[in-house]
Amino acid sequence: MKKKYKIIDNAFNRDNYPDLIGKIVENPPQYSSVVLISEKVSMKDIFDKTSLDKKEEKPMEKFIIRCWREGYEKEEIVSGIIEFYKQTPEDARFVFNQIILKLSGIKKD
């Protein structure tokens, strides 16, 4: 994935690059002030990659972990479990919570 940058609004950029402020570019001007933008991989792509990899055990767990690492929030991941794995909302939340507990090393009594 190529890195993308957003040209920020500051005095230097207003003086030198007024037309670029707020734009997202792959190659910003050399001295401009920028913020690195990270783009998430779509959940559909994560699901497709996970479901195509038949060697992996527990593909739903792999899906959750990949989504979590990509920066998706809990409710987004639960929605993905419901949509792609055809789970009920209660089951999806339970599976998500179990995986997160496992990742964090917390034992549930």
N, C-alpha and C. Protein backbone atom coordinates (compact mmCIF):
# COMPACT_ATOMS: atom_id res chain seq x y z
N MET A 1 0.84 -1.16 0.00
CA MET A 1 0.00 0.00 0.00
C MET A 1 0.90 1.24 0.00
N LYS A 2 0.61 2.17 -0.89
CA LYS A 2 1.37 3.40 -0.95
C LYS A 2 0.92 4.32 0.17
N LYS A 3 1.87 5.06 0.71
CA LYS A 3 1.53 6.03 1.75
C LYS A 3 0.89 7.25 1.10
N LYS A 4 -0.08 7.81 1.80
CA LYS A 4 -0.74 9.02 1.33
C LYS A 4 -0.62 10.08 2.42
N TYR A 5 -0.58 11.32 1.98
CA TYR A 5 -0.38 12.44 2.89
C TYR A 5 -1.44 13.50 2.65
N LYS A 6 -1.88 14.12 3.75
CA LYS A 6 -2.82 15.23 3.65
C LYS A 6 -2.05 16.52 3.92
N ILE A 7 -2.19 17.47 3.02
CA ILE A 7 -1.52 18.77 3.17
C ILE A 7 -2.31 19.57 4.22
N ILE A 8 -1.64 19.94 5.32
CA ILE A 8 -2.34 20.62 6.41
C ILE A 8 -2.39 22.12 6.18
N ASP A 9 -3.30 22.76 6.90
CA ASP A 9 -3.48 24.21 6.80
C ASP A 9 -2.61 24.88 7.85
N ASN A 10 -1.51 25.45 7.41
CA ASN A 10 -0.68 26.25 8.31
C ASN A 10 -0.12 27.43 7.50
N ALA A 11 0.58 28.33 8.17
CA ALA A 11 1.07 29.56 7.52
C ALA A 11 1.97 29.26 6.32
N PHE A 12 2.91 28.33 6.49
CA PHE A 12 3.83 28.01 5.40
C PHE A 12 3.08 27.47 4.18
N ASN A 13 2.17 26.54 4.40
CA ASN A 13 1.42 25.97 3.28
C ASN A 13 0.49 27.00 2.64
N ARG A 14 -0.09 27.89 3.45
CA ARG A 14 -0.95 28.94 2.89
C ARG A 14 -0.14 29.86 1.97
N ASP A 15 1.11 30.15 2.35
CA ASP A 15 1.96 31.02 1.54
C ASP A 15 2.49 30.32 0.29
N ASN A 16 2.82 29.05 0.40
CA ASN A 16 3.50 28.35 -0.69
C ASN A 16 2.65 27.37 -1.49
N TYR A 17 1.66 26.77 -0.86
CA TYR A 17 0.85 25.74 -1.53
C TYR A 17 -0.64 25.91 -1.24
N PRO A 18 -1.18 27.10 -1.46
CA PRO A 18 -2.59 27.33 -1.08
C PRO A 18 -3.58 26.42 -1.80
N ASP A 19 -3.26 26.02 -3.01
CA ASP A 19 -4.18 25.17 -3.78
C ASP A 19 -4.16 23.70 -3.31
N LEU A 20 -3.14 23.33 -2.56
CA LEU A 20 -3.02 21.94 -2.12
C LEU A 20 -3.57 21.68 -0.72
N ILE A 21 -3.85 22.71 0.04
CA ILE A 21 -4.32 22.54 1.42
C ILE A 21 -5.58 21.67 1.45
N GLY A 22 -5.52 20.64 2.30
CA GLY A 22 -6.64 19.72 2.46
C GLY A 22 -6.65 18.56 1.48
N LYS A 23 -5.81 18.62 0.46
CA LYS A 23 -5.76 17.54 -0.53
C LYS A 23 -4.93 16.37 0.00
N ILE A 24 -5.26 15.18 -0.48
CA ILE A 24 -4.51 13.98 -0.13
C ILE A 24 -3.70 13.58 -1.36
N VAL A 25 -2.39 13.46 -1.16
CA VAL A 25 -1.47 13.17 -2.27
C VAL A 25 -0.50 12.05 -1.88
N GLU A 26 0.07 11.40 -2.89
CA GLU A 26 1.08 10.37 -2.63
C GLU A 26 2.47 10.97 -2.54
N ASN A 27 2.71 12.03 -3.29
CA ASN A 27 4.02 12.69 -3.29
C ASN A 27 3.85 14.18 -2.98
N PRO A 28 3.89 14.55 -1.70
CA PRO A 28 3.70 15.96 -1.35
C PRO A 28 4.92 16.78 -1.73
N PRO A 29 4.75 18.10 -1.90
CA PRO A 29 5.90 18.96 -2.15
C PRO A 29 6.91 18.79 -1.01
N GLN A 30 8.17 18.93 -1.32
CA GLN A 30 9.25 18.59 -0.40
C GLN A 30 9.17 19.27 0.96
N TYR A 31 8.87 20.53 1.03
CA TYR A 31 8.91 21.24 2.32
C TYR A 31 7.51 21.48 2.91
N SER A 32 6.50 20.94 2.30
CA SER A 32 5.15 21.18 2.81
C SER A 32 4.94 20.44 4.13
N SER A 33 4.00 20.94 4.92
CA SER A 33 3.62 20.29 6.17
C SER A 33 2.48 19.33 5.87
N VAL A 34 2.68 18.08 6.25
CA VAL A 34 1.71 17.05 5.92
C VAL A 34 1.42 16.16 7.13
N VAL A 35 0.34 15.39 7.01
CA VAL A 35 -0.02 14.37 7.98
C VAL A 35 -0.16 13.07 7.21
N LEU A 36 0.44 12.01 7.73
CA LEU A 36 0.33 10.70 7.09
C LEU A 36 -1.08 10.16 7.28
N ILE A 37 -1.67 9.72 6.19
CA ILE A 37 -3.01 9.16 6.22
C ILE A 37 -2.88 7.65 6.03
N SER A 38 -3.50 6.89 6.91
CA SER A 38 -3.50 5.44 6.72
C SER A 38 -4.88 5.03 6.25
N GLU A 39 -4.92 4.20 5.25
CA GLU A 39 -6.19 3.73 4.73
C GLU A 39 -6.40 2.29 5.17
N LYS A 40 -7.61 2.02 5.60
CA LYS A 40 -7.94 0.66 6.03
C LYS A 40 -8.24 -0.21 4.81
N VAL A 41 -7.86 -1.46 4.94
CA VAL A 41 -8.27 -2.45 3.95
C VAL A 41 -9.74 -2.73 4.23
N SER A 42 -10.55 -2.89 3.20
CA SER A 42 -11.98 -3.12 3.42
C SER A 42 -12.21 -4.47 4.11
N MET A 43 -13.28 -4.54 4.88
CA MET A 43 -13.61 -5.80 5.55
C MET A 43 -13.91 -6.89 4.53
N LYS A 44 -14.48 -6.50 3.41
CA LYS A 44 -14.76 -7.49 2.36
C LYS A 44 -13.47 -8.11 1.87
N ASP A 45 -12.42 -7.30 1.68
CA ASP A 45 -11.12 -7.83 1.26
C ASP A 45 -10.52 -8.73 2.34
N ILE A 46 -10.67 -8.33 3.60
CA ILE A 46 -10.16 -9.15 4.70
C ILE A 46 -10.91 -10.49 4.73
N PHE A 47 -12.22 -10.43 4.58
CA PHE A 47 -13.03 -11.65 4.57
C PHE A 47 -12.64 -12.56 3.41
N ASP A 48 -12.51 -11.98 2.21
CA ASP A 48 -12.16 -12.78 1.04
C ASP A 48 -10.81 -13.46 1.23
N LYS A 49 -9.84 -12.72 1.75
CA LYS A 49 -8.51 -13.29 1.96
C LYS A 49 -8.57 -14.39 3.02
N THR A 50 -9.34 -14.17 4.07
CA THR A 50 -9.44 -15.14 5.15
C THR A 50 -10.17 -16.40 4.68
N SER A 51 -11.27 -16.21 3.96
CA SER A 51 -12.05 -17.38 3.55
C SER A 51 -11.38 -18.16 2.42
N LEU A 52 -10.51 -17.50 1.66
CA LEU A 52 -9.81 -18.20 0.59
C LEU A 52 -8.64 -19.01 1.10
N ASP A 53 -8.13 -18.66 2.27
CA ASP A 53 -6.98 -19.37 2.82
C ASP A 53 -7.48 -20.60 3.59
N LYS A 54 -7.65 -21.69 2.88
CA LYS A 54 -8.26 -22.90 3.46
C LYS A 54 -7.37 -23.59 4.49
N LYS A 55 -6.08 -23.27 4.50
CA LYS A 55 -5.17 -23.93 5.45
C LYS A 55 -5.39 -23.44 6.88
N GLU A 56 -5.91 -22.24 7.01
CA GLU A 56 -6.03 -21.66 8.34
C GLU A 56 -7.17 -22.29 9.13
N GLU A 57 -6.90 -22.50 10.40
CA GLU A 57 -7.95 -22.96 11.31
C GLU A 57 -8.67 -21.74 11.84
N LYS A 58 -9.91 -21.92 12.19
CA LYS A 58 -10.72 -20.88 12.80
C LYS A 58 -10.69 -19.57 11.98
N PRO A 59 -11.26 -19.61 10.77
CA PRO A 59 -11.20 -18.42 9.92
C PRO A 59 -11.91 -17.20 10.52
N MET A 60 -12.96 -17.41 11.32
CA MET A 60 -13.63 -16.26 11.92
C MET A 60 -12.70 -15.54 12.89
N GLU A 61 -11.91 -16.29 13.64
CA GLU A 61 -10.94 -15.69 14.55
C GLU A 61 -9.91 -14.89 13.77
N LYS A 62 -9.43 -15.47 12.68
CA LYS A 62 -8.44 -14.76 11.85
C LYS A 62 -9.04 -13.48 11.28
N PHE A 63 -10.30 -13.54 10.87
CA PHE A 63 -11.00 -12.37 10.35
C PHE A 63 -11.05 -11.27 11.40
N ILE A 64 -11.44 -11.62 12.63
CA ILE A 64 -11.54 -10.65 13.72
C ILE A 64 -10.18 -10.03 14.00
N ILE A 65 -9.16 -10.86 14.10
CA ILE A 65 -7.81 -10.36 14.41
C ILE A 65 -7.32 -9.43 13.31
N ARG A 66 -7.53 -9.82 12.06
CA ARG A 66 -7.09 -8.96 10.95
C ARG A 66 -7.83 -7.63 10.94
N CYS A 67 -9.13 -7.65 11.20
CA CYS A 67 -9.91 -6.41 11.26
C CYS A 67 -9.43 -5.53 12.41
N TRP A 68 -9.19 -6.14 13.56
CA TRP A 68 -8.73 -5.41 14.75
C TRP A 68 -7.39 -4.73 14.47
N ARG A 69 -6.48 -5.48 13.86
CA ARG A 69 -5.16 -4.93 13.54
C ARG A 69 -5.23 -3.84 12.48
N GLU A 70 -6.23 -3.90 11.63
CA GLU A 70 -6.40 -2.88 10.58
C GLU A 70 -6.99 -1.60 11.14
N GLY A 71 -7.50 -1.66 12.38
CA GLY A 71 -7.99 -0.46 13.04
C GLY A 71 -9.50 -0.33 13.12
N TYR A 72 -10.23 -1.39 12.79
CA TYR A 72 -11.68 -1.33 12.91
C TYR A 72 -12.08 -1.39 14.38
N GLU A 73 -13.16 -0.73 14.71
CA GLU A 73 -13.69 -0.72 16.07
C GLU A 73 -14.60 -1.94 16.28
N LYS A 74 -14.91 -2.19 17.56
CA LYS A 74 -15.68 -3.38 17.93
C LYS A 74 -16.99 -3.50 17.14
N GLU A 75 -17.79 -2.45 17.12
CA GLU A 75 -19.10 -2.55 16.47
C GLU A 75 -18.97 -2.76 14.96
N GLU A 76 -17.92 -2.20 14.36
CA GLU A 76 -17.68 -2.43 12.93
C GLU A 76 -17.36 -3.90 12.68
N ILE A 77 -16.53 -4.48 13.53
CA ILE A 77 -16.15 -5.88 13.37
C ILE A 77 -17.34 -6.79 13.62
N VAL A 78 -18.13 -6.48 14.65
CA VAL A 78 -19.33 -7.27 14.93
C VAL A 78 -20.27 -7.23 13.72
N SER A 79 -20.42 -6.05 13.11
CA SER A 79 -21.25 -5.94 11.91
C SER A 79 -20.70 -6.81 10.78
N GLY A 80 -19.38 -6.84 10.66
CA GLY A 80 -18.75 -7.70 9.65
C GLY A 80 -19.00 -9.17 9.91
N ILE A 81 -18.93 -9.57 11.18
CA ILE A 81 -19.20 -10.98 11.53
C ILE A 81 -20.65 -11.32 11.17
N ILE A 82 -21.55 -10.41 11.49
CA ILE A 82 -22.97 -10.64 11.19
C ILE A 82 -23.17 -10.76 9.68
N GLU A 83 -22.56 -9.84 8.93
CA GLU A 83 -22.75 -9.82 7.48
C GLU A 83 -22.07 -10.99 6.77
N PHE A 84 -20.79 -11.17 7.04
CA PHE A 84 -20.02 -12.15 6.27
C PHE A 84 -20.15 -13.58 6.79
N TYR A 85 -20.33 -13.73 8.09
CA TYR A 85 -20.42 -15.07 8.65
C TYR A 85 -21.84 -15.45 9.03
N LYS A 86 -22.79 -14.57 8.72
CA LYS A 86 -24.22 -14.84 8.94
C LYS A 86 -24.51 -15.24 10.38
N GLN A 87 -23.90 -14.52 11.32
CA GLN A 87 -24.12 -14.77 12.74
C GLN A 87 -25.22 -13.86 13.26
N THR A 88 -25.84 -14.26 14.36
CA THR A 88 -26.79 -13.37 15.03
C THR A 88 -25.97 -12.33 15.79
N PRO A 89 -26.55 -11.17 16.09
CA PRO A 89 -25.79 -10.14 16.82
C PRO A 89 -25.23 -10.63 18.15
N GLU A 90 -25.99 -11.43 18.89
CA GLU A 90 -25.52 -11.92 20.19
C GLU A 90 -24.32 -12.84 20.00
N ASP A 91 -24.40 -13.76 19.04
CA ASP A 91 -23.30 -14.68 18.77
C ASP A 91 -22.06 -13.93 18.29
N ALA A 92 -22.27 -12.93 17.44
CA ALA A 92 -21.15 -12.16 16.90
C ALA A 92 -20.42 -11.42 18.02
N ARG A 93 -21.17 -10.81 18.93
CA ARG A 93 -20.54 -10.11 20.06
C ARG A 93 -19.79 -11.09 20.96
N PHE A 94 -20.39 -12.25 21.20
CA PHE A 94 -19.74 -13.27 22.04
C PHE A 94 -18.41 -13.71 21.42
N VAL A 95 -18.42 -14.03 20.13
CA VAL A 95 -17.20 -14.48 19.45
C VAL A 95 -16.16 -13.37 19.49
N PHE A 96 -16.56 -12.14 19.19
CA PHE A 96 -15.62 -11.02 19.23
C PHE A 96 -15.00 -10.89 20.61
N ASN A 97 -15.82 -10.89 21.65
CA ASN A 97 -15.31 -10.73 23.02
C ASN A 97 -14.36 -11.87 23.40
N GLN A 98 -14.67 -13.09 22.99
CA GLN A 98 -13.80 -14.22 23.31
C GLN A 98 -12.43 -14.07 22.65
N ILE A 99 -12.43 -13.62 21.41
CA ILE A 99 -11.15 -13.45 20.69
C ILE A 99 -10.34 -12.33 21.32
N ILE A 100 -10.97 -11.23 21.68
CA ILE A 100 -10.25 -10.12 22.28
C ILE A 100 -9.71 -10.52 23.66
N LEU A 101 -10.49 -11.28 24.41
CA LEU A 101 -10.00 -11.78 25.70
C LEU A 101 -8.78 -12.68 25.49
N LYS A 102 -8.84 -13.53 24.49
CA LYS A 102 -7.73 -14.42 24.19
C LYS A 102 -6.47 -13.62 23.80
N LEU A 103 -6.67 -12.60 22.97
CA LEU A 103 -5.54 -11.77 22.53
C LEU A 103 -4.89 -11.01 23.68
N SER A 104 -5.72 -10.54 24.59
CA SER A 104 -5.18 -9.75 25.69
C SER A 104 -4.69 -10.62 26.84
N GLY A 105 -4.92 -11.91 26.77
CA GLY A 105 -4.42 -12.82 27.79
C GLY A 105 -5.26 -12.83 29.06
N ILE A 106 -6.45 -12.27 28.99
CA ILE A 106 -7.32 -12.23 30.17
C ILE A 106 -8.12 -13.51 30.22
N LYS A 107 -8.13 -14.15 31.37
CA LYS A 107 -8.92 -15.37 31.56
C LYS A 107 -10.30 -14.97 32.08
N LYS A 108 -11.32 -15.50 31.46
CA LYS A 108 -12.67 -15.24 31.90
C LYS A 108 -13.13 -16.36 32.82
N ASP A 109 -13.64 -16.01 33.98
CA ASP A 109 -14.09 -17.03 34.94
C ASP A 109 -15.45 -17.55 34.60
